[in-house]
Protein backbone atom coordinates (compact mmCIF):
# COMPACT_ATOMS: atom_id res chain seq x y z
CA UNK A 1 49.72 -25.33 18.21
CA UNK A 2 50.41 -23.94 14.76
CA UNK A 3 52.89 -25.82 12.59
CA UNK A 4 55.35 -24.45 10.11
CA UNK A 5 53.89 -23.65 6.68
CA UNK A 6 55.65 -23.07 3.40
CA UNK A 7 54.50 -22.21 -0.08
CA UNK A 8 56.01 -23.65 -3.23
CA UNK A 9 55.59 -22.03 -6.71
CA UNK A 10 57.19 -24.30 -9.35
CA UNK A 11 57.15 -23.16 -13.03
CA UNK A 12 56.75 -26.02 -15.49
CA UNK A 13 57.63 -25.70 -19.18
CA UNK A 14 54.28 -26.74 -20.45
CA UNK A 15 51.33 -24.36 -20.88
CA UNK A 16 49.32 -25.98 -23.66
CA UNK A 17 48.74 -29.64 -23.04
CA UNK A 18 46.16 -29.73 -20.22
CA UNK A 19 46.66 -33.45 -19.74
CA UNK A 20 50.31 -33.07 -18.98
CA UNK A 21 49.58 -30.21 -16.59
CA UNK A 22 46.91 -32.24 -14.84
CA UNK A 23 49.28 -35.25 -14.48
CA UNK A 24 51.92 -32.95 -12.77
CA UNK A 25 49.42 -31.32 -10.46
CA UNK A 26 47.95 -34.81 -9.58
CA UNK A 27 51.40 -35.90 -8.61
CA UNK A 28 51.71 -32.92 -6.39
CA UNK A 29 48.33 -33.53 -4.77
CA UNK A 30 49.07 -37.22 -4.14
CA UNK A 31 50.97 -36.09 -1.04
CA UNK A 32 48.82 -35.95 2.06
CA UNK A 33 48.57 -32.53 3.65
CA UNK A 34 49.19 -30.53 0.39
CA UNK A 35 46.72 -27.86 -0.63
CA UNK A 36 46.82 -26.85 -4.33
CA UNK A 37 45.99 -23.18 -4.42
CA UNK A 38 46.45 -22.20 -8.09
CA UNK A 39 47.33 -23.49 -11.54
CA UNK A 40 48.03 -20.82 -14.11
CA UNK A 41 48.87 -22.03 -17.59
CA UNK A 42 50.08 -19.67 -20.33
CA UNK A 43 49.78 -20.71 -23.98
CA UNK A 44 52.14 -18.06 -25.48
CA UNK A 45 54.77 -18.67 -22.77
CA UNK A 46 54.18 -22.45 -22.87
CA UNK A 47 54.57 -22.39 -19.12
CA UNK A 48 52.48 -23.20 -16.13
CA UNK A 49 52.89 -21.59 -12.67
CA UNK A 50 51.58 -23.94 -9.90
CA UNK A 51 51.07 -22.74 -6.33
CA UNK A 52 50.68 -25.15 -3.36
CA UNK A 53 51.23 -25.03 0.39
CA UNK A 54 51.69 -27.36 3.26
CA UNK A 55 54.11 -28.35 6.05
CA UNK A 56 57.82 -28.56 5.08
CA UNK A 57 58.12 -32.33 4.72
CA UNK A 58 54.93 -32.59 2.66
CA UNK A 59 55.94 -29.75 0.39
CA UNK A 60 59.43 -31.20 -0.19
CA UNK A 61 57.86 -34.52 -1.20
CA UNK A 62 55.19 -33.00 -3.38
CA UNK A 63 57.74 -30.80 -5.12
CA UNK A 64 59.96 -33.80 -5.84
CA UNK A 65 56.97 -35.72 -7.32
CA UNK A 66 56.02 -32.76 -9.43
CA UNK A 67 59.58 -32.52 -10.77
CA UNK A 68 59.72 -36.19 -11.42
CA UNK A 69 56.45 -36.18 -13.28
CA UNK A 70 57.47 -33.16 -15.37
CA UNK A 71 60.80 -34.95 -16.32
CA UNK A 72 58.71 -37.93 -17.51
CA UNK A 73 56.26 -35.95 -19.70
CA UNK A 74 58.05 -32.82 -20.98
CA UNK A 75 60.75 -33.08 -23.68
CA UNK A 76 62.75 -29.88 -23.50
CA UNK A 77 64.49 -30.66 -26.83
CA UNK A 78 61.11 -29.83 -28.46
CA UNK A 79 60.04 -26.97 -26.24
CA UNK A 80 59.23 -23.51 -27.57
CA UNK A 81 57.70 -20.61 -25.73
CA UNK A 82 57.93 -16.86 -25.15
CA UNK A 83 59.25 -17.09 -21.58
CA UNK A 84 63.02 -17.70 -20.62
CA UNK A 85 63.42 -21.39 -19.60
CA UNK A 86 66.08 -24.07 -19.17
CA UNK A 87 64.28 -27.07 -17.78
CA UNK A 88 61.04 -29.08 -17.68
CA UNK A 89 60.83 -27.80 -14.10
CA UNK A 90 62.37 -24.39 -14.76
CA UNK A 91 62.30 -22.79 -11.28
CA UNK A 92 61.17 -24.14 -7.94
CA UNK A 93 61.16 -21.62 -5.07
CA UNK A 94 60.22 -22.36 -1.47
CA UNK A 95 58.59 -19.49 0.35
CA UNK A 96 58.10 -19.15 4.17
CA UNK A 97 54.54 -18.43 5.21
CA UNK A 98 54.24 -19.28 8.88
CA UNK A 99 56.63 -20.23 11.78
CA UNK A 100 59.61 -20.89 9.53
CA UNK A 101 62.42 -18.60 8.45
CA UNK A 102 63.81 -17.82 5.02
CA UNK A 103 67.10 -19.31 6.07
CA UNK A 104 65.40 -22.59 6.99
CA UNK A 105 63.59 -22.64 3.63
CA UNK A 106 66.95 -22.01 1.96
CA UNK A 107 68.40 -25.10 3.62
CA UNK A 108 65.36 -27.22 2.62
CA UNK A 109 65.76 -26.00 -0.92
CA UNK A 110 69.45 -27.24 -1.01
CA UNK A 111 68.30 -30.62 0.34
CA UNK A 112 65.57 -30.76 -2.37
CA UNK A 113 67.97 -29.79 -5.08
CA UNK A 114 70.50 -32.44 -3.95
CA UNK A 115 67.73 -35.09 -4.04
CA UNK A 116 66.54 -34.03 -7.46
CA UNK A 117 70.03 -34.31 -8.86
CA UNK A 118 70.78 -37.54 -7.15
CA UNK A 119 67.62 -39.52 -7.79
CA UNK A 120 66.47 -37.96 -11.03
CA UNK A 121 69.88 -37.07 -12.54
CA UNK A 122 68.63 -33.49 -13.31
CA UNK A 123 71.20 -30.69 -13.05
CA UNK A 124 70.18 -28.12 -10.33
CA UNK A 125 71.33 -24.59 -9.76
CA UNK A 126 70.65 -23.12 -6.30
CA UNK A 127 69.39 -19.60 -6.52
CA UNK A 128 68.05 -16.72 -4.41
CA UNK A 129 68.48 -17.35 -0.68
CA UNK A 130 69.76 -20.88 -1.19
CA UNK A 131 72.58 -19.77 -3.57
CA UNK A 132 76.13 -20.81 -2.71
CA UNK A 133 77.64 -17.72 -4.39
CA UNK A 134 76.41 -14.11 -4.51
CA UNK A 135 76.11 -14.09 -8.28
CA UNK A 136 73.74 -17.02 -8.23
CA UNK A 137 71.27 -15.29 -6.08
CA UNK A 138 70.15 -13.76 -9.42
CA UNK A 139 68.06 -16.25 -11.36
CA UNK A 140 69.12 -14.71 -14.66
CA UNK A 141 72.70 -15.75 -13.89
CA UNK A 142 71.62 -19.35 -13.11
CA UNK A 143 69.58 -19.49 -16.35
CA UNK A 144 72.20 -17.67 -18.53
CA UNK A 145 71.93 -18.72 -22.14
CA UNK A 146 68.73 -20.72 -21.21
CA UNK A 147 68.23 -24.30 -22.37
CA UNK A 148 70.42 -23.88 -25.48
CA UNK A 149 73.47 -23.12 -23.36
CA UNK A 150 73.25 -26.27 -21.20
CA UNK A 151 75.46 -28.53 -23.39
CA UNK A 152 78.36 -26.27 -22.47
CA UNK A 153 77.38 -25.41 -18.91
CA UNK A 154 76.38 -28.67 -17.19
CA UNK A 155 79.97 -30.00 -17.08
CA UNK A 156 82.04 -26.89 -17.23
CA UNK A 157 84.59 -25.79 -14.63
CA UNK A 158 83.19 -22.42 -14.05
CA UNK A 159 79.46 -22.64 -14.90
CA UNK A 160 78.42 -26.18 -13.74
CA UNK A 161 75.32 -26.77 -11.69
CA UNK A 162 75.54 -26.84 -7.84
CA UNK A 163 74.16 -30.37 -7.93
CA UNK A 164 74.26 -33.01 -10.69
CA UNK A 165 77.29 -31.95 -12.71
CA UNK A 166 77.47 -34.34 -15.64
CA UNK A 167 78.21 -34.53 -19.32
CA UNK A 168 75.35 -33.37 -21.58
CA UNK A 169 73.33 -36.52 -22.40
CA UNK A 170 70.17 -37.51 -24.08
CA UNK A 171 68.49 -37.61 -20.66
CA UNK A 172 69.61 -34.09 -19.80
CA UNK A 173 68.50 -32.95 -23.27
CA UNK A 174 64.96 -34.09 -22.28
CA UNK A 175 64.78 -32.68 -18.72
CA UNK A 176 67.04 -29.66 -19.00
CA UNK A 177 68.17 -28.08 -15.75
CA UNK A 178 66.19 -26.79 -12.73
CA UNK A 179 66.77 -23.76 -10.46
CA UNK A 180 65.79 -24.61 -6.86
CA UNK A 181 65.77 -21.83 -4.28
CA UNK A 182 64.10 -19.98 -1.46
CA UNK A 183 62.72 -16.47 -1.48
CA UNK A 184 60.39 -14.37 0.60
CA UNK A 185 56.79 -13.86 -0.42
CA UNK A 186 56.31 -11.69 -3.48
CA UNK A 187 53.31 -9.44 -3.34
CA UNK A 188 51.73 -8.34 -6.62
CA UNK A 189 49.74 -5.11 -6.06
CA UNK A 190 48.12 -2.44 -8.13
CA UNK A 191 47.57 1.14 -6.79
CA UNK A 192 44.52 2.76 -8.26
CA UNK A 193 44.86 6.41 -9.38
CA UNK A 194 42.32 9.08 -10.05
CA UNK A 195 43.66 9.64 -13.44
CA UNK A 196 43.55 8.02 -16.89
CA UNK A 197 47.07 9.06 -17.73
CA UNK A 198 49.48 6.14 -18.23
CA UNK A 199 52.31 8.63 -18.57
CA UNK A 200 51.72 10.05 -15.18
CA UNK A 201 51.20 6.64 -13.62
CA UNK A 202 54.58 5.62 -15.15
CA UNK A 203 56.22 8.75 -13.63
CA UNK A 204 54.98 7.78 -10.19
CA UNK A 205 56.18 4.17 -10.70
CA UNK A 206 59.62 5.50 -11.68
CA UNK A 207 59.63 7.76 -8.58
CA UNK A 208 59.29 4.81 -6.20
CA UNK A 209 60.61 1.61 -7.84
CA UNK A 210 64.08 0.55 -6.79
CA UNK A 211 65.48 0.71 -10.35
CA UNK A 212 64.25 4.28 -10.70
CA UNK A 213 64.62 6.16 -13.98
CA UNK A 214 67.44 7.06 -16.42
CA UNK A 215 69.42 10.12 -15.55
CA UNK A 216 68.95 12.62 -18.44
CA UNK A 217 71.12 15.39 -19.74
CA UNK A 218 70.28 18.75 -18.20
CA UNK A 219 67.85 17.03 -15.79
CA UNK A 220 65.18 17.53 -18.45
CA UNK A 221 62.44 14.78 -18.94
CA UNK A 222 63.15 14.78 -22.73
CA UNK A 223 66.98 14.99 -22.28
CA UNK A 224 69.19 12.31 -23.70
CA UNK A 225 69.88 9.40 -21.24
CA UNK A 226 73.34 9.72 -19.74
CA UNK A 227 75.76 6.75 -19.75
CA UNK A 228 78.79 5.74 -17.70
CA UNK A 229 82.29 5.10 -18.96
CA UNK A 230 81.25 1.51 -19.85
CA UNK A 231 78.36 2.67 -21.94
CA UNK A 232 75.65 1.70 -19.38
CA UNK A 233 72.71 4.04 -18.79
CA UNK A 234 72.99 5.85 -15.47
CA UNK A 235 69.93 5.33 -13.30
CA UNK A 236 68.49 7.53 -10.56
CA UNK A 237 67.17 4.98 -8.05
CA UNK A 238 63.60 5.20 -6.64
CA UNK A 239 62.63 5.35 -3.02
CA UNK A 240 61.42 1.76 -2.37
CA UNK A 241 63.89 -1.09 -2.06
CA UNK A 242 62.94 -4.45 -3.38
CA UNK A 243 60.25 -3.21 -5.74
CA UNK A 244 59.54 -3.25 -9.50
CA UNK A 245 56.81 -1.03 -10.95
CA UNK A 246 55.26 0.35 -14.13
CA UNK A 247 52.20 2.47 -14.87
CA UNK A 248 49.36 1.23 -17.07
CA UNK A 249 45.70 1.95 -17.94
CA UNK A 250 43.02 -0.61 -17.19
CA UNK A 251 40.12 -0.55 -19.63
CA UNK A 252 37.91 -2.66 -17.27
CA UNK A 253 38.07 0.00 -14.54
CA UNK A 254 38.68 3.13 -16.68
CA UNK A 255 41.65 4.23 -14.55
CA UNK A 256 45.41 4.17 -14.55
CA UNK A 257 47.31 2.16 -11.99
CA UNK A 258 50.80 1.78 -10.59
CA UNK A 259 51.46 -1.93 -10.96
CA UNK A 260 54.06 -3.14 -8.54
CA UNK A 261 55.78 -6.37 -7.49
CA UNK A 262 57.20 -6.20 -3.97
CA UNK A 263 60.02 -8.71 -4.05
CA UNK A 264 61.40 -7.97 -0.55
CA UNK A 265 58.54 -7.49 1.87
CA UNK A 266 60.92 -7.16 4.79
CA UNK A 267 62.61 -4.09 3.15
CA UNK A 268 59.29 -2.71 1.85
CA UNK A 269 56.11 -3.88 3.60
CA UNK A 270 52.89 -3.36 1.78
CA UNK A 271 51.78 -0.46 3.93
CA UNK A 272 55.07 1.40 3.37
CA UNK A 273 54.71 0.96 -0.37
CA UNK A 274 51.15 2.25 -0.13
CA UNK A 275 52.17 5.41 1.76
CA UNK A 276 55.07 6.10 -0.52
CA UNK A 277 52.97 5.70 -3.71
CA UNK A 278 50.44 8.07 -2.08
CA UNK A 279 53.18 10.60 -1.40
CA UNK A 280 54.62 10.42 -4.92
CA UNK A 281 51.16 10.62 -6.49
CA UNK A 282 50.16 13.65 -4.43
CA UNK A 283 53.41 15.42 -5.44
CA UNK A 284 52.09 15.13 -9.04
CA UNK A 285 48.53 16.25 -8.17
CA UNK A 286 47.17 12.69 -8.25
CA UNK A 287 45.48 10.69 -5.50
CA UNK A 288 45.62 7.04 -4.77
CA UNK A 289 41.99 5.87 -4.47
CA UNK A 290 42.48 2.24 -3.49
CA UNK A 291 44.63 -0.86 -3.80
CA UNK A 292 44.16 -4.20 -5.58
CA UNK A 293 46.05 -7.20 -4.41
CA UNK A 294 46.68 -9.71 -7.22
CA UNK A 295 46.89 -13.29 -5.88
CA UNK A 296 47.50 -14.15 -2.28
CA UNK A 297 49.24 -12.55 0.71
CA UNK A 298 50.49 -13.89 4.03
CA UNK A 299 48.45 -12.93 6.98
CA UNK A 300 51.33 -11.02 8.57
CA UNK A 301 51.28 -8.56 5.68
CA UNK A 302 47.77 -7.27 6.57
CA UNK A 303 48.34 -7.59 10.34
CA UNK A 304 51.43 -5.38 10.07
CA UNK A 305 49.50 -2.98 7.87
CA UNK A 306 46.54 -2.79 10.24
CA UNK A 307 48.79 -2.20 13.19
CA UNK A 308 50.65 0.51 11.33
CA UNK A 309 47.47 2.45 10.50
CA UNK A 310 46.07 1.99 14.04
CA UNK A 311 49.36 3.46 15.51
CA UNK A 312 49.16 6.37 13.02
CA UNK A 313 45.77 7.10 14.60
CA UNK A 314 47.28 6.66 18.12
CA UNK A 315 44.93 3.78 18.62
CA UNK A 316 45.62 0.50 20.43
CA UNK A 317 46.55 -2.46 18.26
CA UNK A 318 45.72 -5.00 20.98
CA UNK A 319 42.50 -6.00 19.35
CA UNK A 320 41.22 -9.06 17.54
CA UNK A 321 43.08 -10.06 14.33
CA UNK A 322 39.86 -9.78 12.36
CA UNK A 323 39.57 -6.11 13.37
CA UNK A 324 43.26 -5.42 12.58
CA UNK A 325 42.75 -6.91 9.09
CA UNK A 326 39.60 -4.83 8.65
CA UNK A 327 41.66 -1.71 9.46
CA UNK A 328 44.23 -2.63 6.82
CA UNK A 329 41.53 -3.21 4.24
CA UNK A 330 39.80 0.12 4.82
CA UNK A 331 43.04 2.11 5.20
CA UNK A 332 44.41 0.94 1.83
CA UNK A 333 41.10 0.72 0.00
CA UNK A 334 41.51 -3.00 -0.71
CA UNK A 335 37.83 -3.24 -1.44
CA UNK A 336 37.46 -0.30 -3.80
CA UNK A 337 37.23 -2.35 -7.07
CA UNK A 338 35.76 -5.57 -5.62
CA UNK A 339 34.79 -6.95 -2.20
CA UNK A 340 37.90 -8.05 -0.28
CA UNK A 341 37.32 -11.46 1.30
CA UNK A 342 40.13 -12.39 3.64
CA UNK A 343 39.37 -16.00 3.46
CA UNK A 344 40.04 -15.86 -0.34
CA UNK A 345 43.11 -13.61 -0.24
CA UNK A 346 45.08 -14.53 2.90
CA UNK A 347 47.04 -17.75 2.33
CA UNK A 348 46.66 -19.08 5.98
CA UNK A 349 42.95 -18.69 5.85
CA UNK A 350 42.73 -20.54 2.51
CA UNK A 351 44.24 -23.61 3.95
CA UNK A 352 42.41 -23.73 7.26
CA UNK A 353 40.50 -26.93 7.65
CA UNK A 354 36.95 -25.66 8.11
CA UNK A 355 35.77 -29.24 8.87
CA UNK A 356 37.96 -29.41 11.99
CA UNK A 357 35.81 -28.77 15.04
CA UNK A 358 37.38 -26.57 17.72
CA UNK A 359 35.91 -25.95 21.20
CA UNK A 360 36.80 -22.29 20.92
CA UNK A 361 34.66 -21.91 17.83
CA UNK A 362 31.57 -22.77 19.95
CA UNK A 363 29.26 -20.07 21.37
CA UNK A 364 29.43 -19.45 25.14
CA UNK A 365 26.24 -21.46 25.51
CA UNK A 366 27.47 -24.25 23.17
CA UNK A 367 30.70 -24.53 25.08
CA UNK A 368 28.88 -24.74 28.46
CA UNK A 369 26.45 -27.34 27.11
CA UNK A 370 29.27 -29.38 25.50
CA UNK A 371 31.06 -29.37 28.92
CA UNK A 372 27.89 -30.43 30.67
CA UNK A 373 27.32 -33.43 28.31
CA UNK A 374 28.18 -36.92 29.17
CA UNK A 375 31.42 -36.69 27.16
CA UNK A 376 34.46 -36.48 29.45
CA UNK A 377 36.00 -33.80 27.27
CA UNK A 378 36.18 -30.86 27.52
CA UNK A 379 36.96 -31.29 31.18
CA UNK A 380 38.73 -29.36 33.95
CA UNK A 381 41.88 -28.76 31.90
CA UNK A 382 40.12 -27.11 29.11
CA UNK A 383 37.96 -25.08 31.52
CA UNK A 384 41.10 -23.91 33.37
CA UNK A 385 42.67 -22.65 30.09
CA UNK A 386 39.45 -20.88 29.18
CA UNK A 387 39.40 -19.20 32.63
CA UNK A 388 42.97 -18.03 31.94
CA UNK A 389 41.86 -16.79 28.49
CA UNK A 390 39.07 -14.79 30.09
CA UNK A 391 41.52 -13.32 32.60
CA UNK A 392 43.81 -12.17 29.73
CA UNK A 393 40.76 -10.84 27.91
CA UNK A 394 39.75 -8.69 30.94
CA UNK A 395 43.28 -7.26 31.32
CA UNK A 396 43.37 -6.52 27.56
CA UNK A 397 39.99 -4.88 27.73
CA UNK A 398 41.13 -2.49 30.46
CA UNK A 399 44.24 -1.68 28.46
CA UNK A 400 42.20 -0.86 25.40
CA UNK A 401 39.77 1.29 27.31
CA UNK A 402 42.64 3.10 28.93
CA UNK A 403 44.41 3.71 25.54
CA UNK A 404 41.19 5.40 24.26
CA UNK A 405 40.31 7.27 27.50
CA UNK A 406 39.74 11.00 26.97
CA UNK A 407 42.57 13.09 28.42
CA UNK A 408 45.03 10.22 28.27
CA UNK A 409 46.09 10.71 24.69
CA UNK A 410 49.75 10.83 25.57
CA UNK A 411 49.60 7.34 27.11
CA UNK A 412 47.91 5.46 24.17
CA UNK A 413 51.12 3.68 23.15
CA UNK A 414 51.79 2.52 26.83
CA UNK A 415 48.39 0.88 26.94
CA UNK A 416 48.55 -0.43 23.43
CA UNK A 417 51.71 -2.33 24.38
CA UNK A 418 49.87 -3.89 27.34
CA UNK A 419 46.96 -4.80 25.04
CA UNK A 420 49.30 -6.37 22.44
CA UNK A 421 50.81 -8.54 25.14
CA UNK A 422 47.31 -9.42 26.46
CA UNK A 423 46.22 -10.57 23.02
CA UNK A 424 49.20 -12.92 22.75
CA UNK A 425 48.32 -14.44 26.09
CA UNK A 426 44.67 -14.59 25.10
CA UNK A 427 45.48 -16.48 21.88
CA UNK A 428 47.90 -18.86 23.60
CA UNK A 429 45.39 -19.77 26.34
CA UNK A 430 42.61 -20.27 23.77
CA UNK A 431 44.91 -22.70 21.89
CA UNK A 432 45.42 -24.56 25.21
CA UNK A 433 41.67 -25.06 25.55
CA UNK A 434 41.69 -27.40 22.54
CA UNK A 435 45.13 -28.75 23.19
CA UNK A 436 43.97 -30.03 26.64
CA UNK A 437 41.20 -31.91 24.99
CA UNK A 438 43.61 -33.28 22.38
CA UNK A 439 45.82 -34.58 25.18
CA UNK A 440 42.91 -36.42 26.72
CA UNK A 441 42.12 -37.92 23.32
CA UNK A 442 45.75 -39.18 22.96
CA UNK A 443 45.40 -40.99 26.26
CA UNK A 444 42.16 -42.63 25.24
CA UNK A 445 43.73 -43.63 21.86
CA UNK A 446 46.59 -45.32 23.75
CA UNK A 447 44.19 -47.18 26.07
CA UNK A 448 42.42 -48.63 22.97
CA UNK A 449 45.57 -50.00 21.40
CA UNK A 450 45.78 -53.80 21.10
CA UNK A 451 47.46 -55.81 23.83
CA UNK A 452 47.34 -59.42 22.68
CA UNK A 453 50.99 -59.97 22.18
CA UNK A 454 54.09 -58.99 24.17
CA UNK A 455 55.12 -56.61 21.30
CA UNK A 456 51.61 -55.00 21.31
CA UNK A 457 51.68 -54.64 25.09
CA UNK A 458 55.09 -52.98 24.98
CA UNK A 459 54.01 -50.63 22.23
CA UNK A 460 50.85 -49.79 24.16
CA UNK A 461 52.72 -49.08 27.40
CA UNK A 462 55.14 -46.79 25.52
CA UNK A 463 52.24 -44.89 23.92
CA UNK A 464 50.44 -44.61 27.27
CA UNK A 465 53.57 -43.17 28.89
CA UNK A 466 54.05 -40.60 26.11
CA UNK A 467 50.39 -39.66 26.06
CA UNK A 468 50.24 -39.33 29.86
CA UNK A 469 53.32 -37.18 29.92
CA UNK A 470 51.79 -34.93 27.26
CA UNK A 471 48.57 -34.75 29.25
CA UNK A 472 50.59 -33.64 32.34
CA UNK A 473 52.67 -31.06 30.44
CA UNK A 474 49.74 -29.29 28.77
CA UNK A 475 48.01 -28.16 32.03
CA UNK A 476 51.40 -27.16 33.37
CA UNK A 477 51.79 -24.85 30.28
CA UNK A 478 48.31 -23.55 31.09
CA UNK A 479 49.57 -22.65 34.59
CA UNK A 480 52.64 -20.88 33.21
CA UNK A 481 50.54 -18.92 30.76
CA UNK A 482 47.92 -17.92 33.37
CA UNK A 483 50.73 -16.80 35.74
CA UNK A 484 51.82 -14.40 32.97
CA UNK A 485 48.46 -12.75 33.12
CA UNK A 486 49.09 -11.31 36.59
CA UNK A 487 51.49 -8.62 35.58
CA UNK A 488 49.00 -7.41 33.06
CA UNK A 489 45.98 -7.20 35.40
CA UNK A 490 48.17 -5.75 38.18
CA UNK A 491 49.35 -2.98 35.89
CA UNK A 492 45.77 -2.30 34.83
CA UNK A 493 44.62 -2.17 38.45
CA UNK A 494 47.39 0.20 39.32
CA UNK A 495 47.54 2.51 36.32
CA UNK A 496 44.61 1.77 34.02
CA UNK A 497 41.24 3.36 33.70
CA UNK A 498 39.96 3.67 37.31
CA UNK A 499 36.38 2.99 36.15
CA UNK A 500 37.51 -0.49 35.10
CA UNK A 501 39.58 -1.46 38.15
CA UNK A 502 36.99 -4.08 39.18
CA UNK A 503 37.46 -5.78 35.80
CA UNK A 504 41.22 -6.07 36.54
CA UNK A 505 40.29 -7.60 39.88
CA UNK A 506 38.03 -10.22 38.21
CA UNK A 507 40.87 -10.95 35.84
CA UNK A 508 43.15 -11.78 38.81
CA UNK A 509 40.46 -14.03 40.30
CA UNK A 510 40.08 -15.86 36.95
CA UNK A 511 43.85 -16.23 36.50
CA UNK A 512 44.17 -17.75 40.02
CA UNK A 513 41.32 -20.15 39.24
CA UNK A 514 43.06 -21.12 35.97
CA UNK A 515 46.27 -21.89 37.85
CA UNK A 516 44.60 -23.93 40.62
CA UNK A 517 42.38 -25.83 38.18
CA UNK A 518 45.22 -26.74 35.87
CA UNK A 519 47.29 -27.80 38.92
CA UNK A 520 44.75 -30.41 39.76
CA UNK A 521 45.08 -31.81 36.26
CA UNK A 522 48.85 -31.93 36.53
CA UNK A 523 48.64 -33.89 39.72
CA UNK A 524 46.00 -36.40 38.51
CA UNK A 525 47.78 -37.12 35.25
CA UNK A 526 51.24 -37.28 36.82
CA UNK A 527 49.99 -40.09 39.02
CA UNK A 528 49.76 -42.27 35.97
CA UNK A 529 53.41 -41.76 34.84
CA UNK A 530 55.82 -44.59 35.21
CA UNK A 531 58.75 -42.29 35.33
CA UNK A 532 58.31 -41.12 38.91
CA UNK A 533 61.32 -38.72 38.84
CA UNK A 534 59.64 -36.80 36.03
CA UNK A 535 56.25 -37.00 37.67
CA UNK A 536 57.54 -35.51 40.94
CA UNK A 537 59.38 -32.74 39.12
CA UNK A 538 56.16 -31.69 37.24
CA UNK A 539 54.03 -31.80 40.46
CA UNK A 540 56.67 -29.75 42.31
CA UNK A 541 56.60 -27.11 39.55
CA UNK A 542 52.77 -27.02 39.72
CA UNK A 543 52.92 -26.51 43.49
CA UNK A 544 55.35 -23.61 43.10
CA UNK A 545 53.15 -21.94 40.49
CA UNK A 546 50.10 -22.37 42.67
CA UNK A 547 51.73 -20.60 45.56
CA UNK A 548 52.83 -17.77 43.23
CA UNK A 549 49.30 -17.40 41.98
CA UNK A 550 47.94 -16.95 45.51
CA UNK A 551 50.45 -14.27 46.23
CA UNK A 552 49.94 -12.45 43.01
CA UNK A 553 46.20 -12.54 43.21
CA UNK A 554 46.27 -11.12 46.72
CA UNK A 555 48.51 -8.32 45.59
CA UNK A 556 46.14 -7.29 42.79
CA UNK A 557 43.04 -7.52 45.02
CA UNK A 558 44.64 -5.20 47.61
CA UNK A 559 45.15 -2.63 44.87
CA UNK A 560 41.61 -3.10 43.60
CA UNK A 561 40.00 -2.82 47.02
CA UNK A 562 42.02 0.32 47.85
CA UNK A 563 40.53 1.98 44.79
CA UNK A 564 36.86 0.89 45.15
């Protein structure tokens, strides 16, 4: 099962002393489970942007250690640089990457800010999604007056920090204040143009960026900017919410680009920005020739883009993730200027543990041979889950073939939806292949625990009960997932491509085998549970699912046989 993943991008007010920077990143990396992705120091700004990822608890601890080390080594009373700043750790955002919401990250940021103020006596302003007031969502408001304004702000009635209000002291003079918050992933992207004109690239950028362009007298490009009653320039907003953009010329490539930061990928996904820049460029006689992603992107960004472009072609999106990503790469020209390697650009792929061996990474032959070896795992539970995965794969295959069948063009979306659901079931059942083996390994680990003393025996018994319960629950989850395959294969047998009706039938057979096989594992593992009430409940649920599988399989086979 995947665990929540968040990214942290602290900005430290030191960009020149590599020893200080290294000490800070060493403190961050001292936390187990943290992956340091990037360290970007700037001499002119005297600032270093650090990027690391991990599970929430690890990231919270690593961020704290980084802030603590920065407070020890950076003296803000002597700091000078081109970038706005107010603290040794100036800003510290948490960013949701996988299986965690922005709201959850905001709450974690508040907890982190409170700890930094309490344990390190550093004033903390909560900003972006973690802000307590609407005004403080804006970082510029939190950092108003920068470091030089802190003597008046840190103990004021109206402008005090959210955590760590205190008189300005020698300690605060050294550390300054920190803005801790949560925001969504920011995507930095450049759109390549078939022009060398920076002026035209800027015009396209002004067409689409949220801020837009100044309103000018007479609506003329060279007209005087118009102002409101307060003397502020009136702006004509662009078409894309949550974006900032400018045009520039890149000597290295000999082309102009629209350089954009997408600060709200929920409001403006990457593929939406791409299409809109293409539209604005075409309106000015210019073509977007490709796209350059700067830094990293979350996987969902390219998955959403790939699905979008598949649907524009009226093609099924119920295909492998790798193929969906490839569609995104080709559709937006992400490989125009340089090869696009997903493993180097997608944040989740960068942190995958390539050394971790998974059964599902084996070839068909390798999996069979591993099963046939003298090792007790993988066993019947993993094989049952794999049969369920094959059942889902067959149903998905029929859906994809039906979506692309000549003469059925008006039904592509119907079958694409079935294929999308099939892919979810397939992925879930493949995960259960390895999880069943992990459940067996937990039981073996508990058996090997020491049992010399009464305390050790009690701990061993507790661990055995927990491991056995888990080993019973996993195959039950396999049964429930395999049961969910039947509606898919039944629909494909009834309404899918007639030439593939036998494949839907084999899918039903495989799904039933998965349910029955997993049921055997539920029963044998439940027998080892001390809690008999729980054991009987799990076995009863397995028996119910087994009966349902028999009925559902028969229903599908009747449809199949009637069509053959």
